[in-house]
Amino acid sequence: MVRIGIIGLGPYWEQRYEPALRMMDQRIQIKAVYDPVRSRAEQVAAQWDAAVVSGIGCLATRYPLDAFLLLHSDWMNHYPLTILSQQHRPVYIAGSLGEDLELLEMIHARATEQLVTLMPEFSRRYCQATSRLFELVVTQLGNPVSIQLETCCPADDQQVEVPGQKNETDFLVGLMDWCCYVMRTRPVRVETTLQSDSSDRSEDYRQIKIEFLPDPVTAVERVALIKIKTHQREMEPLFPRHLIQCRNGQAEFHSPDEIHWENASQSITESLKSDRRELEVMLDHFCRRAVGGIIPVANIRDVCQAIQLVRLSRASLEAGKPLDFTAAK
């Protein structure tokens, strides 16, 4: 049983986090809750038989906790993460981490030195379709060679399906991290261009090309293309269209719970609705780390790499040429 302290309930608590935590109540015990709205903290604490805490410092130092869930801290910037990262206990971080690379690198370095797990919530890594893709890579398709994503950035007033990705930077950070995660190798170059499929400006889009180290076996170039539409059609879903070319076939998905794949001998569409959802998988991995497991999880350095890629993509568009990723460090 992992004893958990919650910091910030946020706008996604009822629809996202509470149901997932209920499904894991045999492994997770919520012991303390802090939220700036005390009445809300009291309500949730009563439902979980937990203590209501008056502040983050109090929660971090006075309660017998194994790990923290930092679910919402927009009103306090990086203060909660800075405090929690000094407690030698794992922290699950939902939402945006901002763009202060110097501060994030410092927090990551301190956590690495102290062997503390700080796990950002990269939901796209763990959706059902991505998990199934990795199984297919091993059994049917071979290693990915190219990725094509087609999407549009969320509008300011639009509800997003991934918490913490409301603005364009955070949205692109999530997409670029997913590309790096699937390729499993280092990016080396970024180029951003403006494209158009027709004379109608509604079809204009920005294309970000990320080049990776070549395939170590075939020496084939590996690349990710992210096509971002300038105009979003009404009722168009924000979940990107994914096409992944692999050594021995390809996979495609337009939603988190269905995937189509094909190789030389098969062409199959699979429903993944019965598979575990991404939040349950992430919390499961986090709990394993909290009890001493060595299962790999995302860290703050992954966030920094994706932020650097976003910045480099914008600099490339301004410069009108591709830019080396190493130059951004």
C-alpha atoms as a PDB file:
ATOM      1  CA  MET A   1       0.000   0.000   0.000  1.00  0.00           C
ATOM      2  CA  VAL A   2       1.414   3.377  -1.069  1.00  0.00           C
ATOM      3  CA  ARG A   3       0.555   6.246   1.285  1.00  0.00           C
ATOM      4  CA  ILE A   4      -0.210   9.327  -0.807  1.00  0.00           C
ATOM      5  CA  GLY A   5      -0.454  13.053  -0.161  1.00  0.00           C
ATOM      6  CA  ILE A   6      -2.403  15.128  -2.712  1.00  0.00           C
ATOM      7  CA  ILE A   7      -1.506  18.725  -3.532  1.00  0.00           C
ATOM      8  CA  GLY A   8      -4.124  20.678  -5.495  1.00  0.00           C
ATOM      9  CA  LEU A   9      -7.295  18.985  -6.709  1.00  0.00           C
ATOM     10  CA  GLY A  10      -7.738  21.146  -9.781  1.00  0.00           C
ATOM     11  CA  PRO A  11     -10.383  21.076 -12.526  1.00  0.00           C
ATOM     12  CA  TYR A  12      -9.830  17.426 -13.483  1.00  0.00           C
ATOM     13  CA  TRP A  13     -10.231  15.794 -10.091  1.00  0.00           C
ATOM     14  CA  GLU A  14     -13.819  14.524 -10.381  1.00  0.00           C
ATOM     15  CA  GLN A  15     -13.748  13.403 -14.012  1.00  0.00           C
ATOM     16  CA  ARG A  16     -10.187  12.107 -14.256  1.00  0.00           C
ATOM     17  CA  TYR A  17      -8.166  11.475 -11.115  1.00  0.00           C
ATOM     18  CA  GLU A  18     -10.710  10.354  -8.539  1.00  0.00           C
ATOM     19  CA  PRO A  19     -12.153   7.520 -10.703  1.00  0.00           C
ATOM     20  CA  ALA A  20      -8.647   6.215 -11.495  1.00  0.00           C
ATOM     21  CA  LEU A  21      -7.608   6.345  -7.845  1.00  0.00           C
ATOM     22  CA  ARG A  22     -10.780   4.491  -6.837  1.00  0.00           C
ATOM     23  CA  MET A  23      -9.800   1.705  -9.208  1.00  0.00           C
ATOM     24  CA  MET A  24      -6.441   1.490  -7.427  1.00  0.00           C
ATOM     25  CA  ASP A  25      -7.667   1.672  -3.842  1.00  0.00           C
ATOM     26  CA  GLN A  26      -6.060  -1.705  -3.090  1.00  0.00           C
ATOM     27  CA  ARG A  27      -2.657  -0.146  -3.760  1.00  0.00           C
ATOM     28  CA  ILE A  28      -3.080   3.532  -2.904  1.00  0.00           C
ATOM     29  CA  GLN A  29      -4.102   5.037   0.430  1.00  0.00           C
ATOM     30  CA  ILE A  30      -4.715   8.782   0.410  1.00  0.00           C
ATOM     31  CA  LYS A  31      -3.541  10.054   3.789  1.00  0.00           C
ATOM     32  CA  ALA A  32      -3.539  13.860   3.402  1.00  0.00           C
ATOM     33  CA  VAL A  33      -5.069  16.463   1.083  1.00  0.00           C
ATOM     34  CA  TYR A  34      -4.134  20.083   0.476  1.00  0.00           C
ATOM     35  CA  ASP A  35      -6.068  22.471  -1.782  1.00  0.00           C
ATOM     36  CA  PRO A  36      -6.235  26.281  -1.664  1.00  0.00           C
ATOM     37  CA  VAL A  37     -10.029  25.954  -1.419  1.00  0.00           C
ATOM     38  CA  ARG A  38     -10.237  24.451   2.050  1.00  0.00           C
ATOM     39  CA  SER A  39     -13.893  23.404   1.787  1.00  0.00           C
ATOM     40  CA  ARG A  40     -13.049  21.326  -1.271  1.00  0.00           C
ATOM     41  CA  ALA A  41     -10.089  19.728   0.490  1.00  0.00           C
ATOM     42  CA  GLU A  42     -12.339  18.904   3.449  1.00  0.00           C
ATOM     43  CA  GLN A  43     -14.928  17.267   1.192  1.00  0.00           C
ATOM     44  CA  VAL A  44     -12.382  15.070  -0.597  1.00  0.00           C
ATOM     45  CA  ALA A  45     -10.519  14.230   2.608  1.00  0.00           C
ATOM     46  CA  ALA A  46     -13.775  13.071   4.230  1.00  0.00           C
ATOM     47  CA  GLN A  47     -14.504  10.778   1.275  1.00  0.00           C
ATOM     48  CA  TRP A  48     -11.051   9.171   1.550  1.00  0.00           C
ATOM     49  CA  ASP A  49     -10.727   9.211   5.354  1.00  0.00           C
ATOM     50  CA  ALA A  50      -7.703  11.493   5.003  1.00  0.00           C
ATOM     51  CA  ALA A  51      -6.389  14.514   6.862  1.00  0.00           C
ATOM     52  CA  VAL A  52      -6.955  18.077   5.659  1.00  0.00           C
ATOM     53  CA  VAL A  53      -3.660  19.964   5.531  1.00  0.00           C
ATOM     54  CA  SER A  54      -3.224  23.723   5.844  1.00  0.00           C
ATOM     55  CA  GLY A  55      -0.161  24.038   3.593  1.00  0.00           C
ATOM     56  CA  ILE A  56       2.302  22.240   1.349  1.00  0.00           C
ATOM     57  CA  GLY A  57       5.183  22.462   3.821  1.00  0.00           C
ATOM     58  CA  CYS A  58       3.006  20.921   6.517  1.00  0.00           C
ATOM     59  CA  LEU A  59       1.914  18.084   4.214  1.00  0.00           C
ATOM     60  CA  ALA A  60       5.484  17.356   3.156  1.00  0.00           C
ATOM     61  CA  THR A  61       7.000  17.236   6.637  1.00  0.00           C
ATOM     62  CA  ARG A  62       4.381  16.155   9.171  1.00  0.00           C
ATOM     63  CA  TYR A  63       2.668  13.136   7.652  1.00  0.00           C
ATOM     64  CA  PRO A  64       3.941   9.559   7.080  1.00  0.00           C
ATOM     65  CA  LEU A  65       3.717   9.589   3.285  1.00  0.00           C
ATOM     66  CA  ASP A  66       5.448   7.465   0.653  1.00  0.00           C
ATOM     67  CA  ALA A  67       4.748   9.730  -2.348  1.00  0.00           C
ATOM     68  CA  PHE A  68       2.952  12.861  -3.552  1.00  0.00           C
ATOM     69  CA  LEU A  69       0.464  13.558  -6.330  1.00  0.00           C
ATOM     70  CA  LEU A  70       0.891  17.149  -7.511  1.00  0.00           C
ATOM     71  CA  LEU A  71      -2.354  17.483  -9.443  1.00  0.00           C
ATOM     72  CA  HIS A  72      -2.762  21.255  -9.673  1.00  0.00           C
ATOM     73  CA  SER A  73      -0.391  24.070  -8.780  1.00  0.00           C
ATOM     74  CA  ASP A  74      -0.971  26.762 -11.400  1.00  0.00           C
ATOM     75  CA  TRP A  75      -1.631  29.357  -8.730  1.00  0.00           C
ATOM     76  CA  MET A  76       1.815  28.823  -7.135  1.00  0.00           C
ATOM     77  CA  ASN A  77       4.129  28.326 -10.112  1.00  0.00           C
ATOM     78  CA  HIS A  78       7.053  25.993  -9.288  1.00  0.00           C
ATOM     79  CA  TYR A  79       6.979  26.481  -5.517  1.00  0.00           C
ATOM     80  CA  PRO A  80       5.216  23.155  -4.731  1.00  0.00           C
ATOM     81  CA  LEU A  81       7.557  21.149  -6.956  1.00  0.00           C
ATOM     82  CA  THR A  82      10.612  22.874  -5.496  1.00  0.00           C
ATOM     83  CA  ILE A  83       9.470  22.028  -1.956  1.00  0.00           C
ATOM     84  CA  LEU A  84       8.434  18.456  -2.754  1.00  0.00           C
ATOM     85  CA  SER A  85      11.601  17.656  -4.696  1.00  0.00           C
ATOM     86  CA  GLN A  86      13.577  18.177  -1.471  1.00  0.00           C
ATOM     87  CA  GLN A  87      11.626  15.530   0.463  1.00  0.00           C
ATOM     88  CA  HIS A  88      13.350  12.389  -0.934  1.00  0.00           C
ATOM     89  CA  ARG A  89       9.999  10.928  -1.967  1.00  0.00           C
ATOM     90  CA  PRO A  90       8.497  10.400  -5.441  1.00  0.00           C
ATOM     91  CA  VAL A  91       6.275  13.095  -6.972  1.00  0.00           C
ATOM     92  CA  TYR A  92       3.723  12.552  -9.751  1.00  0.00           C
ATOM     93  CA  ILE A  93       3.337  15.852 -11.640  1.00  0.00           C
ATOM     94  CA  ALA A  94       0.144  16.563 -13.567  1.00  0.00           C
ATOM     95  CA  GLY A  95      -0.221  19.569 -15.821  1.00  0.00           C
ATOM     96  CA  SER A  96       2.239  22.062 -17.239  1.00  0.00           C
ATOM     97  CA  LEU A  97       5.750  22.637 -15.918  1.00  0.00           C
ATOM     98  CA  GLY A  98       6.132  25.949 -17.736  1.00  0.00           C
ATOM     99  CA  GLU A  99       9.171  26.975 -19.771  1.00  0.00           C
ATOM    100  CA  ASP A 100      11.844  27.950 -17.228  1.00  0.00           C
ATOM    101  CA  LEU A 101      14.541  25.573 -18.452  1.00  0.00           C
ATOM    102  CA  GLU A 102      17.181  26.739 -15.986  1.00  0.00           C
ATOM    103  CA  LEU A 103      14.908  26.066 -13.013  1.00  0.00           C
ATOM    104  CA  LEU A 104      13.698  22.737 -14.410  1.00  0.00           C
ATOM    105  CA  GLU A 105      17.260  21.576 -15.072  1.00  0.00           C
ATOM    106  CA  MET A 106      18.198  22.513 -11.504  1.00  0.00           C
ATOM    107  CA  ILE A 107      15.238  20.590 -10.075  1.00  0.00           C
ATOM    108  CA  HIS A 108      16.064  17.577 -12.261  1.00  0.00           C
ATOM    109  CA  ALA A 109      19.751  17.636 -11.252  1.00  0.00           C
ATOM    110  CA  ARG A 110      18.853  17.750  -7.560  1.00  0.00           C
ATOM    111  CA  ALA A 111      16.355  14.909  -7.929  1.00  0.00           C
ATOM    112  CA  THR A 112      18.883  12.792  -9.854  1.00  0.00           C
ATOM    113  CA  GLU A 113      21.551  13.382  -7.231  1.00  0.00           C
ATOM    114  CA  GLN A 114      19.153  12.351  -4.460  1.00  0.00           C
ATOM    115  CA  LEU A 115      17.666   9.415  -6.469  1.00  0.00           C
ATOM    116  CA  VAL A 116      14.171  10.951  -6.266  1.00  0.00           C
ATOM    117  CA  THR A 117      11.511  10.138  -8.881  1.00  0.00           C
ATOM    118  CA  LEU A 118       9.825  13.229 -10.351  1.00  0.00           C
ATOM    119  CA  MET A 119       7.390  11.843 -12.941  1.00  0.00           C
ATOM    120  CA  PRO A 120       5.665  14.306 -15.296  1.00  0.00           C
ATOM    121  CA  GLU A 121       2.320  13.225 -16.731  1.00  0.00           C
ATOM    122  CA  PHE A 122       3.059  12.526 -20.411  1.00  0.00           C
ATOM    123  CA  SER A 123      -0.347  11.009 -21.123  1.00  0.00           C
ATOM    124  CA  ARG A 124       0.252  10.497 -24.840  1.00  0.00           C
ATOM    125  CA  ARG A 125       2.974   7.951 -24.088  1.00  0.00           C
ATOM    126  CA  TYR A 126       0.526   5.636 -22.360  1.00  0.00           C
ATOM    127  CA  CYS A 127      -2.721   5.788 -24.335  1.00  0.00           C
ATOM    128  CA  GLN A 128      -4.030   2.368 -25.373  1.00  0.00           C
ATOM    129  CA  ALA A 129      -3.022   2.821 -29.019  1.00  0.00           C
ATOM    130  CA  THR A 130       0.570   3.743 -28.143  1.00  0.00           C
ATOM    131  CA  SER A 131       0.906   0.776 -25.790  1.00  0.00           C
ATOM    132  CA  ARG A 132      -0.393  -1.553 -28.492  1.00  0.00           C
ATOM    133  CA  LEU A 133       1.951   0.058 -31.035  1.00  0.00           C
ATOM    134  CA  PHE A 134       4.960  -0.964 -28.963  1.00  0.00           C
ATOM    135  CA  GLU A 135       3.708  -4.546 -28.776  1.00  0.00           C
ATOM    136  CA  LEU A 136       3.355  -4.568 -32.570  1.00  0.00           C
ATOM    137  CA  VAL A 137       6.821  -3.078 -33.034  1.00  0.00           C
ATOM    138  CA  VAL A 138       8.263  -6.081 -31.192  1.00  0.00           C
ATOM    139  CA  THR A 139       6.071  -8.787 -32.718  1.00  0.00           C
ATOM    140  CA  GLN A 140       4.965  -7.693 -36.206  1.00  0.00           C
ATOM    141  CA  LEU A 141       6.181  -4.333 -37.514  1.00  0.00           C
ATOM    142  CA  GLY A 142       9.795  -3.764 -36.510  1.00  0.00           C
ATOM    143  CA  ASN A 143      11.305  -0.489 -35.327  1.00  0.00           C
ATOM    144  CA  PRO A 144       9.686   2.815 -36.359  1.00  0.00           C
ATOM    145  CA  VAL A 145      11.313   4.679 -39.253  1.00  0.00           C
ATOM    146  CA  SER A 146       8.994   7.663 -39.678  1.00  0.00           C
ATOM    147  CA  ILE A 147       6.103   9.340 -37.882  1.00  0.00           C
ATOM    148  CA  GLN A 148       3.436  11.613 -39.328  1.00  0.00           C
ATOM    149  CA  LEU A 149       1.110  13.531 -37.000  1.00  0.00           C
ATOM    150  CA  GLU A 150      -1.721  15.751 -38.192  1.00  0.00           C
ATOM    151  CA  THR A 151      -3.411  17.998 -35.662  1.00  0.00           C
ATOM    152  CA  CYS A 152      -4.414  21.530 -34.722  1.00  0.00           C
ATOM    153  CA  CYS A 153      -3.589  23.471 -31.571  1.00  0.00           C
ATOM    154  CA  PRO A 154      -6.401  23.949 -29.037  1.00  0.00           C
ATOM    155  CA  ALA A 155      -8.303  27.210 -28.973  1.00  0.00           C
ATOM    156  CA  ASP A 156      -7.977  29.319 -25.827  1.00  0.00           C
ATOM    157  CA  ASP A 157     -11.485  28.457 -24.644  1.00  0.00           C
ATOM    158  CA  GLN A 158     -11.430  24.797 -25.700  1.00  0.00           C
ATOM    159  CA  GLN A 159     -11.526  21.863 -23.288  1.00  0.00           C
ATOM    160  CA  VAL A 160      -8.475  19.686 -23.938  1.00  0.00           C
ATOM    161  CA  GLU A 161      -8.291  15.927 -23.525  1.00  0.00           C
ATOM    162  CA  VAL A 162      -4.840  16.029 -21.915  1.00  0.00           C
ATOM    163  CA  PRO A 163      -4.519  18.162 -18.741  1.00  0.00           C
ATOM    164  CA  GLY A 164      -1.796  20.783 -18.832  1.00  0.00           C
ATOM    165  CA  GLN A 165      -1.800  21.173 -22.610  1.00  0.00           C
ATOM    166  CA  LYS A 166      -4.107  24.137 -22.975  1.00  0.00           C
ATOM    167  CA  ASN A 167      -1.610  26.514 -24.575  1.00  0.00           C
ATOM    168  CA  GLU A 168       0.351  25.913 -27.762  1.00  0.00           C
ATOM    169  CA  THR A 169       3.734  25.385 -26.120  1.00  0.00           C
ATOM    170  CA  ASP A 170       2.500  22.701 -23.743  1.00  0.00           C
ATOM    171  CA  PHE A 171       0.509  21.059 -26.533  1.00  0.00           C
ATOM    172  CA  LEU A 172       3.612  20.849 -28.738  1.00  0.00           C
ATOM    173  CA  VAL A 173       5.745  19.679 -25.820  1.00  0.00           C
ATOM    174  CA  GLY A 174       3.414  16.689 -25.451  1.00  0.00           C
ATOM    175  CA  LEU A 175       3.526  15.871 -29.173  1.00  0.00           C
ATOM    176  CA  MET A 176       7.290  16.211 -29.492  1.00  0.00           C
ATOM    177  CA  ASP A 177       7.905  14.124 -26.402  1.00  0.00           C
ATOM    178  CA  TRP A 178       5.684  11.420 -27.908  1.00  0.00           C
ATOM    179  CA  CYS A 179       7.766  11.415 -31.111  1.00  0.00           C
ATOM    180  CA  CYS A 180      11.002  11.070 -29.139  1.00  0.00           C
ATOM    181  CA  TYR A 181       9.455   8.347 -26.988  1.00  0.00           C
ATOM    182  CA  VAL A 182       8.385   6.313 -30.015  1.00  0.00           C
ATOM    183  CA  MET A 183      11.688   6.739 -31.853  1.00  0.00           C
ATOM    184  CA  ARG A 184      13.682   5.865 -28.715  1.00  0.00           C
ATOM    185  CA  THR A 185      16.682   7.863 -29.862  1.00  0.00           C
ATOM    186  CA  ARG A 186      18.114  11.370 -29.856  1.00  0.00           C
ATOM    187  CA  PRO A 187      16.781  14.182 -32.092  1.00  0.00           C
ATOM    188  CA  VAL A 188      19.497  15.901 -34.119  1.00  0.00           C
ATOM    189  CA  ARG A 189      17.805  18.549 -36.285  1.00  0.00           C
ATOM    190  CA  VAL A 190      14.558  20.540 -36.467  1.00  0.00           C
ATOM    191  CA  GLU A 191      13.002  22.408 -39.376  1.00  0.00           C
ATOM    192  CA  THR A 192       9.708  24.308 -39.480  1.00  0.00           C
ATOM    193  CA  THR A 193       8.059  25.480 -42.696  1.00  0.00           C
ATOM    194  CA  LEU A 194       4.719  26.954 -43.730  1.00  0.00           C
ATOM    195  CA  GLN A 195       2.846  24.826 -46.245  1.00  0.00           C
ATOM    196  CA  SER A 196      -0.409  24.985 -48.201  1.00  0.00           C
ATOM    197  CA  ASP A 197      -2.410  22.232 -49.904  1.00  0.00           C
ATOM    198  CA  SER A 198      -4.457  24.653 -52.021  1.00  0.00           C
ATOM    199  CA  SER A 199      -5.114  28.290 -52.799  1.00  0.00           C
ATOM    200  CA  ASP A 200      -7.654  28.288 -49.968  1.00  0.00           C
ATOM    201  CA  ARG A 201      -5.886  29.655 -46.873  1.00  0.00           C
ATOM    202  CA  SER A 202      -8.081  27.445 -44.675  1.00  0.00           C
ATOM    203  CA  GLU A 203      -5.819  24.579 -45.738  1.00  0.00           C
ATOM    204  CA  ASP A 204      -2.588  26.302 -44.642  1.00  0.00           C
ATOM    205  CA  TYR A 205      -0.519  24.472 -42.075  1.00  0.00           C
ATOM    206  CA  ARG A 206       2.808  24.571 -40.281  1.00  0.00           C
ATOM    207  CA  GLN A 207       5.054  21.538 -40.657  1.00  0.00           C
ATOM    208  CA  ILE A 208       7.679  20.655 -38.063  1.00  0.00           C
ATOM    209  CA  LYS A 209      10.260  18.108 -39.171  1.00  0.00           C
ATOM    210  CA  ILE A 210      12.347  16.429 -36.479  1.00  0.00           C
ATOM    211  CA  GLU A 211      15.285  14.358 -37.676  1.00  0.00           C
ATOM    212  CA  PHE A 212      16.658  11.616 -35.435  1.00  0.00           C
ATOM    213  CA  LEU A 213      19.811   9.547 -35.440  1.00  0.00           C
ATOM    214  CA  PRO A 214      19.661   7.016 -38.325  1.00  0.00           C
ATOM    215  CA  ASP A 215      18.529   3.431 -37.789  1.00  0.00           C
ATOM    216  CA  PRO A 216      21.595   1.646 -36.336  1.00  0.00           C
ATOM    217  CA  VAL A 217      20.972  -1.517 -38.410  1.00  0.00           C
ATOM    218  CA  THR A 218      19.800  -0.197 -41.798  1.00  0.00           C
ATOM    219  CA  ALA A 219      21.256   3.361 -41.617  1.00  0.00           C
ATOM    220  CA  VAL A 220      17.854   4.613 -42.875  1.00  0.00           C
ATOM    221  CA  GLU A 221      16.987   8.190 -41.910  1.00  0.00           C
ATOM    222  CA  ARG A 222      14.407   8.428 -39.124  1.00  0.00           C
ATOM    223  CA  VAL A 223      12.106  11.435 -39.045  1.00  0.00           C
ATOM    224  CA  ALA A 224       8.916  12.783 -37.484  1.00  0.00           C
ATOM    225  CA  LEU A 225       6.629  15.219 -39.336  1.00  0.00           C
ATOM    226  CA  ILE A 226       4.113  17.182 -37.284  1.00  0.00           C
ATOM    227  CA  LYS A 227       1.518  18.926 -39.450  1.00  0.00           C
ATOM    228  CA  ILE A 228      -0.335  21.642 -37.532  1.00  0.00           C
ATOM    229  CA  LYS A 229      -3.369  23.109 -39.244  1.00  0.00           C
ATOM    230  CA  THR A 230      -3.806  26.862 -39.099  1.00  0.00           C
ATOM    231  CA  HIS A 231      -7.602  26.647 -38.913  1.00  0.00           C
ATOM    232  CA  GLN A 232      -9.577  24.064 -36.984  1.00  0.00           C
ATOM    233  CA  ARG A 233     -12.786  22.841 -38.529  1.00  0.00           C
ATOM    234  CA  GLU A 234     -15.883  22.949 -36.337  1.00  0.00           C
ATOM    235  CA  MET A 235     -16.215  19.880 -34.065  1.00  0.00           C
ATOM    236  CA  GLU A 236     -12.891  18.514 -35.290  1.00  0.00           C
ATOM    237  CA  PRO A 237     -11.299  16.354 -32.552  1.00  0.00           C
ATOM    238  CA  LEU A 238      -7.998  17.440 -31.024  1.00  0.00           C
ATOM    239  CA  PHE A 239      -6.631  13.897 -30.888  1.00  0.00           C
ATOM    240  CA  PRO A 240      -3.977  13.839 -33.636  1.00  0.00           C
ATOM    241  CA  ARG A 241      -3.979  11.513 -36.627  1.00  0.00           C
ATOM    242  CA  HIS A 242      -0.990   9.203 -36.218  1.00  0.00           C
ATOM    243  CA  LEU A 243       0.772   7.278 -38.993  1.00  0.00           C
ATOM    244  CA  ILE A 244       3.877   5.303 -38.056  1.00  0.00           C
ATOM    245  CA  GLN A 245       5.989   3.632 -40.736  1.00  0.00           C
ATOM    246  CA  CYS A 246       8.103   0.753 -39.447  1.00  0.00           C
ATOM    247  CA  ARG A 247      10.705  -1.556 -40.968  1.00  0.00           C
ATOM    248  CA  ASN A 248       8.146  -4.269 -41.753  1.00  0.00           C
ATOM    249  CA  GLY A 249       4.816  -2.443 -41.985  1.00  0.00           C
ATOM    250  CA  GLN A 250       2.839   0.483 -40.631  1.00  0.00           C
ATOM    251  CA  ALA A 251       0.318   1.441 -37.959  1.00  0.00           C
ATOM    252  CA  GLU A 252      -2.309   4.180 -37.913  1.00  0.00           C
ATOM    253  CA  PHE A 253      -4.675   5.518 -35.266  1.00  0.00           C
ATOM    254  CA  HIS A 254      -6.959   8.527 -34.944  1.00  0.00           C
ATOM    255  CA  SER A 255      -8.224   7.872 -31.410  1.00  0.00           C
ATOM    256  CA  PRO A 256      -6.647   6.477 -28.240  1.00  0.00           C
ATOM    257  CA  ASP A 257      -8.677   3.250 -28.234  1.00  0.00           C
ATOM    258  CA  GLU A 258      -8.429   1.882 -31.807  1.00  0.00           C
ATOM    259  CA  ILE A 259      -5.483   1.056 -34.053  1.00  0.00           C
ATOM    260  CA  HIS A 260      -5.096  -0.209 -37.616  1.00  0.00           C
ATOM    261  CA  TRP A 261      -1.904  -1.962 -38.632  1.00  0.00           C
ATOM    262  CA  GLU A 262      -0.664  -3.879 -41.626  1.00  0.00           C
ATOM    263  CA  ASN A 263       2.392  -5.730 -42.876  1.00  0.00           C
ATOM    264  CA  ALA A 264       3.118  -7.970 -45.864  1.00  0.00           C
ATOM    265  CA  SER A 265       0.648 -10.635 -44.757  1.00  0.00           C
ATOM    266  CA  GLN A 266      -1.997  -8.921 -42.584  1.00  0.00           C
ATOM    267  CA  SER A 267      -4.208  -5.831 -42.380  1.00  0.00           C
ATOM    268  CA  ILE A 268      -6.052  -5.606 -39.063  1.00  0.00           C
ATOM    269  CA  THR A 269      -8.099  -3.026 -37.139  1.00  0.00           C
ATOM    270  CA  GLU A 270      -8.202  -3.592 -33.375  1.00  0.00           C
ATOM    271  CA  SER A 271     -10.500  -2.101 -30.764  1.00  0.00           C
ATOM    272  CA  LEU A 272      -8.647  -1.289 -27.532  1.00  0.00           C
ATOM    273  CA  LYS A 273     -11.591  -0.092 -25.472  1.00  0.00           C
ATOM    274  CA  SER A 274     -11.121  -2.879 -22.906  1.00  0.00           C
ATOM    275  CA  ASP A 275      -7.441  -2.032 -22.321  1.00  0.00           C
ATOM    276  CA  ARG A 276      -6.349   0.009 -19.313  1.00  0.00           C
ATOM    277  CA  ARG A 277      -6.578   3.754 -19.839  1.00  0.00           C
ATOM    278  CA  GLU A 278      -3.431   5.824 -19.795  1.00  0.00           C
ATOM    279  CA  LEU A 279      -3.910   7.382 -16.343  1.00  0.00           C
ATOM    280  CA  GLU A 280      -4.252   4.007 -14.647  1.00  0.00           C
ATOM    281  CA  VAL A 281      -1.064   2.812 -16.350  1.00  0.00           C
ATOM    282  CA  MET A 282       0.869   5.932 -15.322  1.00  0.00           C
ATOM    283  CA  LEU A 283      -0.297   5.724 -11.699  1.00  0.00           C
ATOM    284  CA  ASP A 284       0.581   2.025 -11.651  1.00  0.00           C
ATOM    285  CA  HIS A 285       4.117   2.777 -12.875  1.00  0.00           C
ATOM    286  CA  PHE A 286       4.427   5.596 -10.359  1.00  0.00           C
ATOM    287  CA  CYS A 287       3.389   3.319  -7.491  1.00  0.00           C
ATOM    288  CA  ARG A 288       5.967   0.753  -8.552  1.00  0.00           C
ATOM    289  CA  ARG A 289       8.648   3.440  -8.397  1.00  0.00           C
ATOM    290  CA  ALA A 290       7.359   4.582  -5.013  1.00  0.00           C
ATOM    291  CA  VAL A 291       7.960   1.121  -3.509  1.00  0.00           C
ATOM    292  CA  GLY A 292      11.435   0.800  -4.997  1.00  0.00           C
ATOM    293  CA  GLY A 293      10.754  -0.620  -8.458  1.00  0.00           C
ATOM    294  CA  ILE A 294      13.007   0.227 -11.386  1.00  0.00           C
ATOM    295  CA  ILE A 295      10.371   0.450 -14.130  1.00  0.00           C
ATOM    296  CA  PRO A 296      11.337   3.353 -16.456  1.00  0.00           C
ATOM    297  CA  VAL A 297       9.206   6.499 -16.305  1.00  0.00           C
ATOM    298  CA  ALA A 298       9.412   9.990 -17.780  1.00  0.00           C
ATOM    299  CA  ASN A 299      11.449  12.602 -15.919  1.00  0.00           C
ATOM    300  CA  ILE A 300      12.029  16.361 -15.923  1.00  0.00           C
ATOM    301  CA  ARG A 301      14.858  16.024 -18.442  1.00  0.00           C
ATOM    302  CA  ASP A 302      12.312  14.707 -20.969  1.00  0.00           C
ATOM    303  CA  VAL A 303      10.265  17.863 -20.406  1.00  0.00           C
ATOM    304  CA  CYS A 304      13.340  20.033 -20.955  1.00  0.00           C
ATOM    305  CA  GLN A 305      14.202  18.224 -24.191  1.00  0.00           C
ATOM    306  CA  ALA A 306      10.681  18.746 -25.558  1.00  0.00           C
ATOM    307  CA  ILE A 307      10.719  22.440 -24.570  1.00  0.00           C
ATOM    308  CA  GLN A 308      14.047  22.843 -26.382  1.00  0.00           C
ATOM    309  CA  LEU A 309      12.553  21.232 -29.497  1.00  0.00           C
ATOM    310  CA  VAL A 310       9.572  23.599 -29.419  1.00  0.00           C
ATOM    311  CA  ARG A 311      11.863  26.611 -29.099  1.00  0.00           C
ATOM    312  CA  LEU A 312      14.102  25.338 -31.872  1.00  0.00           C
ATOM    313  CA  SER A 313      11.109  24.783 -34.164  1.00  0.00           C
ATOM    314  CA  ARG A 314      10.096  28.420 -33.763  1.00  0.00           C
ATOM    315  CA  ALA A 315      13.648  29.630 -34.279  1.00  0.00           C
ATOM    316  CA  SER A 316      13.858  27.527 -37.456  1.00  0.00           C
ATOM    317  CA  LEU A 317      10.739  29.170 -38.869  1.00  0.00           C
ATOM    318  CA  GLU A 318      12.163  32.634 -38.169  1.00  0.00           C
ATOM    319  CA  ALA A 319      15.569  31.724 -39.632  1.00  0.00           C
ATOM    320  CA  GLY A 320      14.091  29.956 -42.668  1.00  0.00           C
ATOM    321  CA  LYS A 321      16.400  26.967 -42.319  1.00  0.00           C
ATOM    322  CA  PRO A 322      16.858  23.729 -40.322  1.00  0.00           C
ATOM    323  CA  LEU A 323      18.688  24.041 -37.007  1.00  0.00           C
ATOM    324  CA  ASP A 324      20.767  21.444 -35.151  1.00  0.00           C
ATOM    325  CA  PHE A 325      19.284  20.295 -31.889  1.00  0.00           C
ATOM    326  CA  THR A 326      22.666  20.216 -30.148  1.00  0.00           C
ATOM    327  CA  ALA A 327      22.939  23.979 -30.702  1.00  0.00           C
ATOM    328  CA  ALA A 328      19.917  24.497 -28.437  1.00  0.00           C
ATOM    329  CA  LYS A 329      21.581  23.053 -25.365  1.00  0.00           C
END
